[in-house]
Amino acid sequence: CETVKVALCASREGHPVLVVAEETFQFVQDEAYDAAQFLATCA
């Protein structure tokens, strides 16, 4: 669970990578995340 910055990039051979757009958003904890963590630790 963290805040991430996402950059959408475009590239073409022979040209520099172009950043088309950037945005930040937050990953949140949900039941699936909790369940996977629990199962991984209880192997």
Full PDB file with SEQRES, HELIX, SHEET, SSBOND, CRYST1, ORIGX, SCALE, CONECT and MASTER records, all heavy atoms in Angstrom:
SEQRES   1 A   43  CYS GLU THR VAL LYS VAL ALA LEU CYS ALA SER ARG GLU          
SEQRES   2 A   43  GLY HIS PRO VAL LEU VAL VAL ALA GLU GLU THR PHE GLN          
SEQRES   3 A   43  PHE VAL GLN ASP GLU ALA TYR ASP ALA ALA GLN PHE LEU          
SEQRES   4 A   43  ALA THR CYS ALA                                              
HELIX    1 AA1 GLU A   31  THR A   41  1                                  11    
SHEET    1 AA1 2 THR A   3  ALA A  10  0                                        
SHEET    2 AA1 2 LEU A  18  GLN A  26 -1                                        
CRYST1    1.000    1.000    1.000  90.00  90.00  90.00 P 1           1          
ORIGX1      1.000000  0.000000  0.000000        0.00000                         
ORIGX2      0.000000  1.000000  0.000000        0.00000                         
ORIGX3      0.000000  0.000000  1.000000        0.00000                         
SCALE1      1.000000  0.000000  0.000000        0.00000                         
SCALE2      0.000000  1.000000  0.000000        0.00000                         
SCALE3      0.000000  0.000000  1.000000        0.00000                         
ATOM      1  N   CYS A   1       0.859  -1.180   0.000  1.00  0.00           N  
ATOM      2  CA  CYS A   1       0.000   0.000   0.000  1.00  0.00           C  
ATOM      3  C   CYS A   1       0.892   1.227   0.000  1.00  0.00           C  
ATOM      4  O   CYS A   1       1.648   1.451   0.940  1.00  0.00           O  
ATOM      5  CB  CYS A   1      -0.881  -0.014   1.238  1.00  0.00           C  
ATOM      6  SG  CYS A   1      -1.813  -1.534   1.347  1.00  0.00           S  
ATOM      7  N   GLU A   2       0.817   2.011  -1.029  1.00  0.00           N  
ATOM      8  CA  GLU A   2       1.704   3.161  -1.169  1.00  0.00           C  
ATOM      9  C   GLU A   2       1.154   4.117  -2.216  1.00  0.00           C  
ATOM     10  O   GLU A   2       0.272   3.767  -2.994  1.00  0.00           O  
ATOM     11  CB  GLU A   2       3.102   2.697  -1.582  1.00  0.00           C  
ATOM     12  CG  GLU A   2       3.119   1.959  -2.915  1.00  0.00           C  
ATOM     13  CD  GLU A   2       4.479   1.376  -3.266  1.00  0.00           C  
ATOM     14  OE1 GLU A   2       5.429   1.582  -2.516  1.00  0.00           O  
ATOM     15  OE2 GLU A   2       4.569   0.699  -4.302  1.00  0.00           O  
ATOM     16  N   THR A   3       1.707   5.322  -2.233  1.00  0.00           N  
ATOM     17  CA  THR A   3       1.400   6.281  -3.285  1.00  0.00           C  
ATOM     18  C   THR A   3       2.437   6.097  -4.383  1.00  0.00           C  
ATOM     19  O   THR A   3       3.627   6.013  -4.101  1.00  0.00           O  
ATOM     20  CB  THR A   3       1.459   7.718  -2.755  1.00  0.00           C  
ATOM     21  OG1 THR A   3       0.512   7.831  -1.686  1.00  0.00           O  
ATOM     22  CG2 THR A   3       1.113   8.722  -3.842  1.00  0.00           C  
ATOM     23  N   VAL A   4       1.986   5.992  -5.613  1.00  0.00           N  
ATOM     24  CA  VAL A   4       2.918   5.798  -6.732  1.00  0.00           C  
ATOM     25  C   VAL A   4       2.732   6.886  -7.774  1.00  0.00           C  
ATOM     26  O   VAL A   4       1.650   7.469  -7.889  1.00  0.00           O  
ATOM     27  CB  VAL A   4       2.732   4.414  -7.401  1.00  0.00           C  
ATOM     28  CG1 VAL A   4       3.016   3.292  -6.436  1.00  0.00           C  
ATOM     29  CG2 VAL A   4       1.345   4.265  -7.993  1.00  0.00           C  
ATOM     30  N   LYS A   5       3.798   7.167  -8.482  1.00  0.00           N  
ATOM     31  CA  LYS A   5       3.721   8.093  -9.614  1.00  0.00           C  
ATOM     32  C   LYS A   5       3.793   7.250 -10.880  1.00  0.00           C  
ATOM     33  O   LYS A   5       4.697   6.438 -11.033  1.00  0.00           O  
ATOM     34  CB  LYS A   5       4.878   9.093  -9.588  1.00  0.00           C  
ATOM     35  CG  LYS A   5       4.800  10.078 -10.757  1.00  0.00           C  
ATOM     36  CD  LYS A   5       5.751  11.237 -10.588  1.00  0.00           C  
ATOM     37  CE  LYS A   5       7.149  10.847 -11.010  1.00  0.00           C  
ATOM     38  NZ  LYS A   5       8.057  12.006 -11.076  1.00  0.00           N  
ATOM     39  N   VAL A   6       2.832   7.426 -11.759  1.00  0.00           N  
ATOM     40  CA  VAL A   6       2.782   6.666 -13.005  1.00  0.00           C  
ATOM     41  C   VAL A   6       3.042   7.621 -14.164  1.00  0.00           C  
ATOM     42  O   VAL A   6       2.435   8.686 -14.247  1.00  0.00           O  
ATOM     43  CB  VAL A   6       1.413   5.978 -13.183  1.00  0.00           C  
ATOM     44  CG1 VAL A   6       1.346   5.248 -14.517  1.00  0.00           C  
ATOM     45  CG2 VAL A   6       1.157   5.007 -12.049  1.00  0.00           C  
ATOM     46  N   ALA A   7       3.979   7.229 -15.013  1.00  0.00           N  
ATOM     47  CA  ALA A   7       4.283   8.034 -16.197  1.00  0.00           C  
ATOM     48  C   ALA A   7       3.951   7.217 -17.436  1.00  0.00           C  
ATOM     49  O   ALA A   7       4.370   6.066 -17.568  1.00  0.00           O  
ATOM     50  CB  ALA A   7       5.760   8.414 -16.204  1.00  0.00           C  
ATOM     51  N   LEU A   8       3.161   7.774 -18.324  1.00  0.00           N  
ATOM     52  CA  LEU A   8       2.845   7.144 -19.597  1.00  0.00           C  
ATOM     53  C   LEU A   8       3.854   7.641 -20.619  1.00  0.00           C  
ATOM     54  O   LEU A   8       3.984   8.842 -20.848  1.00  0.00           O  
ATOM     55  CB  LEU A   8       1.422   7.501 -20.037  1.00  0.00           C  
ATOM     56  CG  LEU A   8       0.994   6.991 -21.407  1.00  0.00           C  
ATOM     57  CD1 LEU A   8       0.981   5.467 -21.451  1.00  0.00           C  
ATOM     58  CD2 LEU A   8      -0.381   7.548 -21.772  1.00  0.00           C  
ATOM     59  N   CYS A   9       4.600   6.710 -21.189  1.00  0.00           N  
ATOM     60  CA  CYS A   9       5.673   7.081 -22.115  1.00  0.00           C  
ATOM     61  C   CYS A   9       5.391   6.536 -23.513  1.00  0.00           C  
ATOM     62  O   CYS A   9       4.736   5.512 -23.668  1.00  0.00           O  
ATOM     63  CB  CYS A   9       7.010   6.517 -21.628  1.00  0.00           C  
ATOM     64  SG  CYS A   9       7.450   7.058 -19.983  1.00  0.00           S  
ATOM     65  N   ALA A  10       5.927   7.242 -24.499  1.00  0.00           N  
ATOM     66  CA  ALA A  10       5.840   6.791 -25.886  1.00  0.00           C  
ATOM     67  C   ALA A  10       7.257   6.758 -26.447  1.00  0.00           C  
ATOM     68  O   ALA A  10       8.074   7.621 -26.133  1.00  0.00           O  
ATOM     69  CB  ALA A  10       4.970   7.729 -26.707  1.00  0.00           C  
ATOM     70  N   SER A  11       7.540   5.748 -27.243  1.00  0.00           N  
ATOM     71  CA  SER A  11       8.881   5.687 -27.834  1.00  0.00           C  
ATOM     72  C   SER A  11       8.793   5.227 -29.285  1.00  0.00           C  
ATOM     73  O   SER A  11       7.902   4.453 -29.647  1.00  0.00           O  
ATOM     74  CB  SER A  11       9.779   4.733 -27.039  1.00  0.00           C  
ATOM     75  OG  SER A  11       9.334   3.408 -27.170  1.00  0.00           O  
ATOM     76  N   ARG A  12       9.714   5.746 -30.081  1.00  0.00           N  
ATOM     77  CA  ARG A  12       9.825   5.350 -31.476  1.00  0.00           C  
ATOM     78  C   ARG A  12      11.300   5.218 -31.779  1.00  0.00           C  
ATOM     79  O   ARG A  12      12.126   5.987 -31.251  1.00  0.00           O  
ATOM     80  CB  ARG A  12       9.214   6.431 -32.374  1.00  0.00           C  
ATOM     81  CG  ARG A  12       8.047   5.913 -33.173  1.00  0.00           C  
ATOM     82  CD  ARG A  12       7.367   6.907 -34.040  1.00  0.00           C  
ATOM     83  NE  ARG A  12       8.149   8.094 -34.391  1.00  0.00           N  
ATOM     84  CZ  ARG A  12       7.638   9.186 -34.877  1.00  0.00           C  
ATOM     85  NH1 ARG A  12       6.357   9.275 -35.052  1.00  0.00           N  
ATOM     86  NH2 ARG A  12       8.389  10.214 -35.203  1.00  0.00           N  
ATOM     87  N   GLU A  13      11.625   4.275 -32.599  1.00  0.00           N  
ATOM     88  CA  GLU A  13      13.035   4.049 -32.932  1.00  0.00           C  
ATOM     89  C   GLU A  13      13.655   5.321 -33.507  1.00  0.00           C  
ATOM     90  O   GLU A  13      13.069   5.986 -34.360  1.00  0.00           O  
ATOM     91  CB  GLU A  13      13.139   2.904 -33.958  1.00  0.00           C  
ATOM     92  CG  GLU A  13      14.529   2.304 -34.012  1.00  0.00           C  
ATOM     93  CD  GLU A  13      14.580   1.062 -34.887  1.00  0.00           C  
ATOM     94  OE1 GLU A  13      13.575   0.321 -34.935  1.00  0.00           O  
ATOM     95  OE2 GLU A  13      15.621   0.847 -35.511  1.00  0.00           O  
ATOM     96  N   GLY A  14      14.821   5.669 -32.956  1.00  0.00           N  
ATOM     97  CA  GLY A  14      15.530   6.852 -33.431  1.00  0.00           C  
ATOM     98  C   GLY A  14      15.087   8.158 -32.787  1.00  0.00           C  
ATOM     99  O   GLY A  14      15.600   9.217 -33.116  1.00  0.00           O  
ATOM    100  N   HIS A  15      14.110   8.102 -31.866  1.00  0.00           N  
ATOM    101  CA  HIS A  15      13.612   9.295 -31.184  1.00  0.00           C  
ATOM    102  C   HIS A  15      13.741   9.100 -29.675  1.00  0.00           C  
ATOM    103  O   HIS A  15      13.675   7.980 -29.186  1.00  0.00           O  
ATOM    104  CB  HIS A  15      12.139   9.547 -31.535  1.00  0.00           C  
ATOM    105  CG  HIS A  15      11.930   9.935 -32.962  1.00  0.00           C  
ATOM    106  ND1 HIS A  15      11.888   9.004 -33.980  1.00  0.00           N  
ATOM    107  CD2 HIS A  15      11.760  11.154 -33.541  1.00  0.00           C  
ATOM    108  CE1 HIS A  15      11.697   9.629 -35.137  1.00  0.00           C  
ATOM    109  NE2 HIS A  15      11.618  10.938 -34.896  1.00  0.00           N  
ATOM    110  N   PRO A  16      13.866  10.193 -28.922  1.00  0.00           N  
ATOM    111  CA  PRO A  16      13.928  10.055 -27.450  1.00  0.00           C  
ATOM    112  C   PRO A  16      12.571   9.633 -26.895  1.00  0.00           C  
ATOM    113  O   PRO A  16      11.532   9.848 -27.523  1.00  0.00           O  
ATOM    114  CB  PRO A  16      14.305  11.463 -26.979  1.00  0.00           C  
ATOM    115  CG  PRO A  16      13.899  12.374 -28.090  1.00  0.00           C  
ATOM    116  CD  PRO A  16      14.015  11.577 -29.370  1.00  0.00           C  
ATOM    117  N   VAL A  17      12.610   9.019 -25.698  1.00  0.00           N  
ATOM    118  CA  VAL A  17      11.369   8.621 -25.034  1.00  0.00           C  
ATOM    119  C   VAL A  17      10.624   9.879 -24.609  1.00  0.00           C  
ATOM    120  O   VAL A  17      11.204  10.795 -24.024  1.00  0.00           O  
ATOM    121  CB  VAL A  17      11.665   7.727 -23.806  1.00  0.00           C  
ATOM    122  CG1 VAL A  17      10.388   7.442 -23.030  1.00  0.00           C  
ATOM    123  CG2 VAL A  17      12.324   6.431 -24.248  1.00  0.00           C  
ATOM    124  N   LEU A  18       9.336   9.919 -24.929  1.00  0.00           N  
ATOM    125  CA  LEU A  18       8.511  11.084 -24.628  1.00  0.00           C  
ATOM    126  C   LEU A  18       7.548  10.731 -23.490  1.00  0.00           C  
ATOM    127  O   LEU A  18       6.839   9.732 -23.561  1.00  0.00           O  
ATOM    128  CB  LEU A  18       7.712  11.474 -25.884  1.00  0.00           C  
ATOM    129  CG  LEU A  18       6.691  12.593 -25.741  1.00  0.00           C  
ATOM    130  CD1 LEU A  18       7.399  13.926 -25.490  1.00  0.00           C  
ATOM    131  CD2 LEU A  18       5.829  12.681 -26.985  1.00  0.00           C  
ATOM    132  N   VAL A  19       7.542  11.547 -22.421  1.00  0.00           N  
ATOM    133  CA  VAL A  19       6.573  11.363 -21.338  1.00  0.00           C  
ATOM    134  C   VAL A  19       5.283  12.066 -21.750  1.00  0.00           C  
ATOM    135  O   VAL A  19       5.237  13.282 -21.879  1.00  0.00           O  
ATOM    136  CB  VAL A  19       7.103  11.927 -20.001  1.00  0.00           C  
ATOM    137  CG1 VAL A  19       6.034  11.791 -18.912  1.00  0.00           C  
ATOM    138  CG2 VAL A  19       8.371  11.207 -19.583  1.00  0.00           C  
ATOM    139  N   VAL A  20       4.230  11.283 -21.975  1.00  0.00           N  
ATOM    140  CA  VAL A  20       2.953  11.808 -22.452  1.00  0.00           C  
ATOM    141  C   VAL A  20       2.125  12.388 -21.309  1.00  0.00           C  
ATOM    142  O   VAL A  20       1.500  13.433 -21.440  1.00  0.00           O  
ATOM    143  CB  VAL A  20       2.163  10.699 -23.189  1.00  0.00           C  
ATOM    144  CG1 VAL A  20       0.807  11.212 -23.658  1.00  0.00           C  
ATOM    145  CG2 VAL A  20       2.968  10.142 -24.343  1.00  0.00           C  
ATOM    146  N   ALA A  21       2.129  11.682 -20.168  1.00  0.00           N  
ATOM    147  CA  ALA A  21       1.339  12.138 -19.018  1.00  0.00           C  
ATOM    148  C   ALA A  21       1.903  11.525 -17.742  1.00  0.00           C  
ATOM    149  O   ALA A  21       2.548  10.480 -17.783  1.00  0.00           O  
ATOM    150  CB  ALA A  21      -0.121  11.730 -19.197  1.00  0.00           C  
ATOM    151  N   GLU A  22       1.654  12.191 -16.619  1.00  0.00           N  
ATOM    152  CA  GLU A  22       2.065  11.685 -15.306  1.00  0.00           C  
ATOM    153  C   GLU A  22       0.924  11.887 -14.324  1.00  0.00           C  
ATOM    154  O   GLU A  22       0.176  12.852 -14.420  1.00  0.00           O  
ATOM    155  CB  GLU A  22       3.293  12.447 -14.781  1.00  0.00           C  
ATOM    156  CG  GLU A  22       4.594  12.039 -15.402  1.00  0.00           C  
ATOM    157  CD  GLU A  22       5.778  12.762 -14.740  1.00  0.00           C  
ATOM    158  OE1 GLU A  22       5.554  13.770 -14.037  1.00  0.00           O  
ATOM    159  OE2 GLU A  22       6.898  12.308 -14.946  1.00  0.00           O  
ATOM    160  N   GLU A  23       0.812  10.953 -13.378  1.00  0.00           N  
ATOM    161  CA  GLU A  23      -0.219  11.085 -12.341  1.00  0.00           C  
ATOM    162  C   GLU A  23       0.215  10.270 -11.135  1.00  0.00           C  
ATOM    163  O   GLU A  23       0.947   9.291 -11.267  1.00  0.00           O  
ATOM    164  CB  GLU A  23      -1.569  10.570 -12.876  1.00  0.00           C  
ATOM    165  CG  GLU A  23      -2.749  10.798 -11.955  1.00  0.00           C  
ATOM    166  CD  GLU A  23      -2.994  12.267 -11.657  1.00  0.00           C  
ATOM    167  OE1 GLU A  23      -3.542  12.987 -12.505  1.00  0.00           O  
ATOM    168  OE2 GLU A  23      -2.614  12.690 -10.544  1.00  0.00           O  
ATOM    169  N   THR A  24      -0.230  10.662  -9.953  1.00  0.00           N  
ATOM    170  CA  THR A  24       0.018   9.856  -8.756  1.00  0.00           C  
ATOM    171  C   THR A  24      -1.304   9.282  -8.278  1.00  0.00           C  
ATOM    172  O   THR A  24      -2.366   9.888  -8.474  1.00  0.00           O  
ATOM    173  CB  THR A  24       0.636  10.695  -7.616  1.00  0.00           C  
ATOM    174  OG1 THR A  24      -0.248  11.752  -7.303  1.00  0.00           O  
ATOM    175  CG2 THR A  24       1.999  11.234  -8.002  1.00  0.00           C  
ATOM    176  N   PHE A  25      -1.252   8.103  -7.683  1.00  0.00           N  
ATOM    177  CA  PHE A  25      -2.443   7.543  -7.051  1.00  0.00           C  
ATOM    178  C   PHE A  25      -2.042   6.605  -5.935  1.00  0.00           C  
ATOM    179  O   PHE A  25      -0.880   6.229  -5.804  1.00  0.00           O  
ATOM    180  CB  PHE A  25      -3.378   6.868  -8.069  1.00  0.00           C  
ATOM    181  CG  PHE A  25      -2.814   5.663  -8.756  1.00  0.00           C  
ATOM    182  CD1 PHE A  25      -3.081   4.394  -8.279  1.00  0.00           C  
ATOM    183  CD2 PHE A  25      -2.039   5.797  -9.903  1.00  0.00           C  
ATOM    184  CE1 PHE A  25      -2.577   3.275  -8.918  1.00  0.00           C  
ATOM    185  CE2 PHE A  25      -1.535   4.682 -10.544  1.00  0.00           C  
ATOM    186  CZ  PHE A  25      -1.802   3.420 -10.056  1.00  0.00           C  
ATOM    187  N   GLN A  26      -3.026   6.240  -5.116  1.00  0.00           N  
ATOM    188  CA  GLN A  26      -2.780   5.489  -3.890  1.00  0.00           C  
ATOM    189  C   GLN A  26      -3.268   4.056  -4.026  1.00  0.00           C  
ATOM    190  O   GLN A  26      -4.419   3.822  -4.371  1.00  0.00           O  
ATOM    191  CB  GLN A  26      -3.535   6.183  -2.748  1.00  0.00           C  
ATOM    192  CG  GLN A  26      -3.423   5.517  -1.399  1.00  0.00           C  
ATOM    193  CD  GLN A  26      -2.088   5.783  -0.742  1.00  0.00           C  
ATOM    194  OE1 GLN A  26      -1.521   6.842  -0.907  1.00  0.00           O  
ATOM    195  NE2 GLN A  26      -1.570   4.813  -0.019  1.00  0.00           N  
ATOM    196  N   PHE A  27      -2.369   3.091  -3.765  1.00  0.00           N  
ATOM    197  CA  PHE A  27      -2.791   1.699  -3.647  1.00  0.00           C  
ATOM    198  C   PHE A  27      -3.311   1.494  -2.233  1.00  0.00           C  
ATOM    199  O   PHE A  27      -2.669   1.916  -1.268  1.00  0.00           O  
ATOM    200  CB  PHE A  27      -1.615   0.740  -3.898  1.00  0.00           C  
ATOM    201  CG  PHE A  27      -1.368   0.473  -5.350  1.00  0.00           C  
ATOM    202  CD1 PHE A  27      -0.335   1.111  -6.022  1.00  0.00           C  
ATOM    203  CD2 PHE A  27      -2.151  -0.431  -6.051  1.00  0.00           C  
ATOM    204  CE1 PHE A  27      -0.105   0.873  -7.364  1.00  0.00           C  
ATOM    205  CE2 PHE A  27      -1.933  -0.678  -7.390  1.00  0.00           C  
ATOM    206  CZ  PHE A  27      -0.902  -0.030  -8.051  1.00  0.00           C  
ATOM    207  N   VAL A  28      -4.443   0.857  -2.090  1.00  0.00           N  
ATOM    208  CA  VAL A  28      -5.026   0.636  -0.768  1.00  0.00           C  
ATOM    209  C   VAL A  28      -5.042  -0.853  -0.446  1.00  0.00           C  
ATOM    210  O   VAL A  28      -5.005  -1.698  -1.330  1.00  0.00           O  
ATOM    211  CB  VAL A  28      -6.467   1.195  -0.678  1.00  0.00           C  
ATOM    212  CG1 VAL A  28      -6.470   2.698  -0.857  1.00  0.00           C  
ATOM    213  CG2 VAL A  28      -7.388   0.531  -1.701  1.00  0.00           C  
ATOM    214  N   GLN A  29      -5.104  -1.148   0.831  1.00  0.00           N  
ATOM    215  CA  GLN A  29      -5.151  -2.534   1.283  1.00  0.00           C  
ATOM    216  C   GLN A  29      -6.583  -3.042   1.161  1.00  0.00           C  
ATOM    217  O   GLN A  29      -7.520  -2.358   1.560  1.00  0.00           O  
ATOM    218  CB  GLN A  29      -4.685  -2.589   2.738  1.00  0.00           C  
ATOM    219  CG  GLN A  29      -4.457  -3.986   3.246  1.00  0.00           C  
ATOM    220  CD  GLN A  29      -3.616  -3.975   4.517  1.00  0.00           C  
ATOM    221  OE1 GLN A  29      -2.887  -3.025   4.762  1.00  0.00           O  
ATOM    222  NE2 GLN A  29      -3.724  -5.020   5.285  1.00  0.00           N  
ATOM    223  N   ASP A  30      -6.753  -4.239   0.605  1.00  0.00           N  
ATOM    224  CA  ASP A  30      -8.087  -4.825   0.511  1.00  0.00           C  
ATOM    225  C   ASP A  30      -8.054  -6.258   1.030  1.00  0.00           C  
ATOM    226  O   ASP A  30      -7.014  -6.763   1.448  1.00  0.00           O  
ATOM    227  CB  ASP A  30      -8.636  -4.742  -0.916  1.00  0.00           C  
ATOM    228  CG  ASP A  30      -7.812  -5.546  -1.917  1.00  0.00           C  
ATOM    229  OD1 ASP A  30      -6.847  -6.233  -1.520  1.00  0.00           O  
ATOM    230  OD2 ASP A  30      -8.142  -5.491  -3.119  1.00  0.00           O  
ATOM    231  N   GLU A  31      -9.192  -6.927   0.983  1.00  0.00           N  
ATOM    232  CA  GLU A  31      -9.305  -8.270   1.543  1.00  0.00           C  
ATOM    233  C   GLU A  31      -8.436  -9.273   0.789  1.00  0.00           C  
ATOM    234  O   GLU A  31      -7.874 -10.185   1.383  1.00  0.00           O  
ATOM    235  CB  GLU A  31     -10.767  -8.748   1.527  1.00  0.00           C  
ATOM    236  CG  GLU A  31     -11.688  -7.997   2.469  1.00  0.00           C  
ATOM    237  CD  GLU A  31     -12.220  -6.694   1.882  1.00  0.00           C  
ATOM    238  OE1 GLU A  31     -11.870  -6.353   0.723  1.00  0.00           O  
ATOM    239  OE2 GLU A  31     -12.974  -6.002   2.588  1.00  0.00           O  
ATOM    240  N   ALA A  32      -8.327  -9.115  -0.535  1.00  0.00           N  
ATOM    241  CA  ALA A  32      -7.520 -10.043  -1.324  1.00  0.00           C  
ATOM    242  C   ALA A  32      -6.040  -9.934  -0.932  1.00  0.00           C  
ATOM    243  O   ALA A  32      -5.344 -10.941  -0.792  1.00  0.00           O  
ATOM    244  CB  ALA A  32      -7.687  -9.756  -2.818  1.00  0.00           C  
ATOM    245  N   TYR A  33      -5.580  -8.705  -0.719  1.00  0.00           N  
ATOM    246  CA  TYR A  33      -4.201  -8.470  -0.287  1.00  0.00           C  
ATOM    247  C   TYR A  33      -3.966  -9.127   1.078  1.00  0.00           C  
ATOM    248  O   TYR A  33      -2.975  -9.829   1.289  1.00  0.00           O  
ATOM    249  CB  TYR A  33      -3.957  -6.965  -0.227  1.00  0.00           C  
ATOM    250  CG  TYR A  33      -2.601  -6.546   0.297  1.00  0.00           C  
ATOM    251  CD1 TYR A  33      -1.504  -6.488  -0.556  1.00  0.00           C  
ATOM    252  CD2 TYR A  33      -2.427  -6.207   1.630  1.00  0.00           C  
ATOM    253  CE1 TYR A  33      -0.256  -6.091  -0.079  1.00  0.00           C  
ATOM    254  CE2 TYR A  33      -1.192  -5.812   2.110  1.00  0.00           C  
ATOM    255  CZ  TYR A  33      -0.104  -5.757   1.253  1.00  0.00           C  
ATOM    256  OH  TYR A  33       1.110  -5.369   1.730  1.00  0.00           O  
ATOM    257  N   ASP A  34      -4.911  -8.904   2.012  1.00  0.00           N  
ATOM    258  CA  ASP A  34      -4.800  -9.499   3.349  1.00  0.00           C  
ATOM    259  C   ASP A  34      -4.781 -11.023   3.276  1.00  0.00           C  
ATOM    260  O   ASP A  34      -3.994 -11.673   3.960  1.00  0.00           O  
ATOM    261  CB  ASP A  34      -5.972  -9.062   4.232  1.00  0.00           C  
ATOM    262  CG  ASP A  34      -5.879  -7.594   4.645  1.00  0.00           C  
ATOM    263  OD1 ASP A  34      -4.766  -7.025   4.587  1.00  0.00           O  
ATOM    264  OD2 ASP A  34      -6.923  -7.024   5.019  1.00  0.00           O  
ATOM    265  N   ALA A  35      -5.678 -11.579   2.461  1.00  0.00           N  
ATOM    266  CA  ALA A  35      -5.762 -13.038   2.344  1.00  0.00           C  
ATOM    267  C   ALA A  35      -4.475 -13.628   1.778  1.00  0.00           C  
ATOM    268  O   ALA A  35      -3.970 -14.640   2.271  1.00  0.00           O  
ATOM    269  CB  ALA A  35      -6.954 -13.420   1.470  1.00  0.00           C  
ATOM    270  N   ALA A  36      -3.925 -13.005   0.732  1.00  0.00           N  
ATOM    271  CA  ALA A  36      -2.686 -13.503   0.125  1.00  0.00           C  
ATOM    272  C   ALA A  36      -1.531 -13.423   1.119  1.00  0.00           C  
ATOM    273  O   ALA A  36      -0.740 -14.366   1.241  1.00  0.00           O  
ATOM    274  CB  ALA A  36      -2.360 -12.714  -1.143  1.00  0.00           C  
ATOM    275  N   GLN A  37      -1.439 -12.313   1.846  1.00  0.00           N  
ATOM    276  CA  GLN A  37      -0.395 -12.160   2.868  1.00  0.00           C  
ATOM    277  C   GLN A  37      -0.527 -13.251   3.934  1.00  0.00           C  
ATOM    278  O   GLN A  37       0.448 -13.859   4.351  1.00  0.00           O  
ATOM    279  CB  GLN A  37      -0.485 -10.777   3.539  1.00  0.00           C  
ATOM    280  CG  GLN A  37      -0.059  -9.642   2.665  1.00  0.00           C  
ATOM    281  CD  GLN A  37       1.455  -9.445   2.662  1.00  0.00           C  
ATOM    282  OE1 GLN A  37       2.225 -10.304   3.044  1.00  0.00           O  
ATOM    283  NE2 GLN A  37       1.881  -8.290   2.226  1.00  0.00           N  
ATOM    284  N   PHE A  38      -1.767 -13.468   4.393  1.00  0.00           N  
ATOM    285  CA  PHE A  38      -2.017 -14.470   5.426  1.00  0.00           C  
ATOM    286  C   PHE A  38      -1.624 -15.864   4.942  1.00  0.00           C  
ATOM    287  O   PHE A  38      -0.920 -16.601   5.627  1.00  0.00           O  
ATOM    288  CB  PHE A  38      -3.493 -14.451   5.837  1.00  0.00           C  
ATOM    289  CG  PHE A  38      -3.882 -15.589   6.740  1.00  0.00           C  
ATOM    290  CD1 PHE A  38      -3.473 -15.603   8.067  1.00  0.00           C  
ATOM    291  CD2 PHE A  38      -4.654 -16.637   6.264  1.00  0.00           C  
ATOM    292  CE1 PHE A  38      -3.826 -16.655   8.901  1.00  0.00           C  
ATOM    293  CE2 PHE A  38      -5.005 -17.695   7.091  1.00  0.00           C  
ATOM    294  CZ  PHE A  38      -4.594 -17.702   8.415  1.00  0.00           C  
ATOM    295  N   LEU A  39      -2.069 -16.223   3.740  1.00  0.00           N  
ATOM    296  CA  LEU A  39      -1.770 -17.553   3.214  1.00  0.00           C  
ATOM    297  C   LEU A  39      -0.273 -17.747   2.985  1.00  0.00           C  
ATOM    298  O   LEU A  39       0.265 -18.816   3.258  1.00  0.00           O  
ATOM    299  CB  LEU A  39      -2.544 -17.789   1.910  1.00  0.00           C  
ATOM    300  CG  LEU A  39      -4.056 -17.939   2.075  1.00  0.00           C  
ATOM    301  CD1 LEU A  39      -4.746 -17.937   0.721  1.00  0.00           C  
ATOM    302  CD2 LEU A  39      -4.395 -19.206   2.851  1.00  0.00           C  
ATOM    303  N   ALA A  40       0.399 -16.718   2.493  1.00  0.00           N  
ATOM    304  CA  ALA A  40       1.842 -16.822   2.254  1.00  0.00           C  
ATOM    305  C   ALA A  40       2.596 -17.056   3.558  1.00  0.00           C  
ATOM    306  O   ALA A  40       3.539 -17.845   3.599  1.00  0.00           O  
ATOM    307  CB  ALA A  40       2.364 -15.568   1.562  1.00  0.00           C  
ATOM    308  N   THR A  41       2.165 -16.393   4.630  1.00  0.00           N  
ATOM    309  CA  THR A  41       2.875 -16.543   5.899  1.00  0.00           C  
ATOM    310  C   THR A  41       2.499 -17.822   6.635  1.00  0.00           C  
ATOM    311  O   THR A  41       3.255 -18.274   7.491  1.00  0.00           O  
ATOM    312  CB  THR A  41       2.621 -15.344   6.844  1.00  0.00           C  
ATOM    313  OG1 THR A  41       1.220 -15.198   7.030  1.00  0.00           O  
ATOM    314  CG2 THR A  41       3.189 -14.064   6.263  1.00  0.00           C  
ATOM    315  N   CYS A  42       1.361 -18.436   6.294  1.00  0.00           N  
ATOM    316  CA  CYS A  42       0.972 -19.648   7.029  1.00  0.00           C  
ATOM    317  C   CYS A  42       1.311 -20.937   6.280  1.00  0.00           C  
ATOM    318  O   CYS A  42       0.907 -22.007   6.701  1.00  0.00           O  
ATOM    319  CB  CYS A  42      -0.496 -19.605   7.430  1.00  0.00           C  
ATOM    320  SG  CYS A  42      -1.665 -19.990   6.134  1.00  0.00           S  
ATOM    321  N   ALA A  43       2.084 -20.846   5.201  1.00  0.00           N  
ATOM    322  CA  ALA A  43       2.523 -22.074   4.510  1.00  0.00           C  
ATOM    323  C   ALA A  43       3.297 -22.928   5.515  1.00  0.00           C  
ATOM    324  O   ALA A  43       4.254 -22.477   6.114  1.00  0.00           O  
ATOM    325  CB  ALA A  43       3.415 -21.723   3.323  1.00  0.00           C  
TER     326      ALA A  43                                                      
MASTER        0    0    0    1    2    0    0    6  325    1    0    4          
END                                                                             
